[in-house]
Amino acid sequence: MEIKILGTGCPKCRALEQNTREALEELGISANIEKVQEVNKIMEYDIMFTPGLVVNGEVKVEGKVASKDEIKEILRQFI
């Protein structure tokens, strides 16, 4: 599973990354997590607001810090 956290490193971006890591651990899923912080690369995903969560190339969260439970529901779609 490939996961990307889109954001410039703001507190919300770090919170989304932490929630994602905790959700993965609770589900027992192994994934590659990449932080995408360059604005030009973030724009490639056609999102208007950060943070963003991309799972296997699909934007699943945009402009908010998803809770751990929300992220777990998203991740279950891919297992």
Protein backbone atom coordinates (compact mmCIF):
# COMPACT_ATOMS: atom_id res chain seq x y z
CA MET A 1 0.00 0.00 0.00
CA GLU A 2 1.31 3.43 -0.96
CA ILE A 3 0.25 6.39 1.17
CA LYS A 4 1.12 10.02 0.63
CA ILE A 5 0.57 12.85 3.08
CA LEU A 6 0.20 16.09 1.14
CA GLY A 7 1.14 19.26 2.98
CA THR A 8 3.90 21.71 3.68
CA GLY A 9 4.65 20.42 7.18
CA CYS A 10 2.06 22.42 9.14
CA PRO A 11 0.67 21.09 12.44
CA LYS A 12 -2.45 19.73 10.67
CA CYS A 13 -0.27 17.84 8.20
CA ARG A 14 1.75 16.30 11.03
CA ALA A 15 -1.48 15.37 12.87
CA LEU A 16 -2.83 13.63 9.75
CA GLU A 17 0.42 11.71 9.40
CA GLN A 18 0.31 10.63 13.06
CA ASN A 19 -3.33 9.52 12.79
CA THR A 20 -2.47 7.58 9.62
CA ARG A 21 0.46 5.81 11.26
CA GLU A 22 -1.67 4.88 14.28
CA ALA A 23 -4.50 3.59 12.04
CA LEU A 24 -2.06 1.44 10.06
CA GLU A 25 -0.59 0.02 13.24
CA GLU A 26 -4.00 -0.80 14.74
CA LEU A 27 -5.07 -2.54 11.53
CA GLY A 28 -1.76 -4.38 11.23
CA ILE A 29 -1.17 -3.02 7.73
CA SER A 30 2.25 -2.37 6.28
CA ALA A 31 2.50 0.64 3.99
CA ASN A 32 5.01 3.01 2.47
CA ILE A 33 4.31 6.53 3.72
CA GLU A 34 5.69 9.46 1.77
CA LYS A 35 5.40 13.08 2.78
CA VAL A 36 4.85 15.35 -0.23
CA GLN A 37 5.79 18.87 0.80
CA GLU A 38 6.68 20.58 -2.48
CA VAL A 39 3.81 22.82 -3.61
CA ASN A 40 4.24 21.88 -7.29
CA LYS A 41 3.92 18.17 -6.47
CA ILE A 42 0.92 18.77 -4.19
CA MET A 43 -0.80 20.64 -7.03
CA GLU A 44 -0.47 17.54 -9.23
CA TYR A 45 -3.17 15.94 -7.06
CA ASP A 46 -5.64 18.73 -7.86
CA ILE A 47 -6.52 19.53 -4.26
CA MET A 48 -7.42 23.01 -3.04
CA PHE A 49 -6.55 22.63 0.64
CA THR A 50 -4.02 20.68 2.66
CA PRO A 51 -3.55 18.39 4.38
CA GLY A 52 -4.34 15.65 1.95
CA LEU A 53 -4.26 11.87 2.20
CA VAL A 54 -3.59 9.83 -0.92
CA VAL A 55 -3.95 6.04 -0.84
CA ASN A 56 -2.71 4.05 -3.84
CA GLY A 57 -2.97 7.15 -6.03
CA GLU A 58 -6.49 8.16 -4.94
CA VAL A 59 -7.10 11.35 -2.97
CA LYS A 60 -9.17 10.27 0.03
CA VAL A 61 -8.93 13.28 2.36
CA GLU A 62 -8.55 16.94 1.53
CA GLY A 63 -8.36 20.00 3.74
CA LYS A 64 -8.90 18.38 7.12
CA VAL A 65 -7.29 16.19 9.71
CA ALA A 66 -9.13 12.89 9.42
CA SER A 67 -9.56 11.01 12.67
CA LYS A 68 -7.86 7.69 13.21
CA ASP A 69 -11.23 5.94 12.84
CA GLU A 70 -11.98 7.75 9.56
CA ILE A 71 -8.59 6.70 8.21
CA LYS A 72 -9.17 3.11 9.28
CA GLU A 73 -12.42 3.05 7.27
CA ILE A 74 -10.57 4.41 4.24
CA LEU A 75 -7.75 1.88 4.56
CA ARG A 76 -10.18 -1.04 4.88
CA GLN A 77 -11.30 -0.33 1.28
CA PHE A 78 -7.82 -1.31 0.11
CA ILE A 79 -7.30 -4.57 2.01
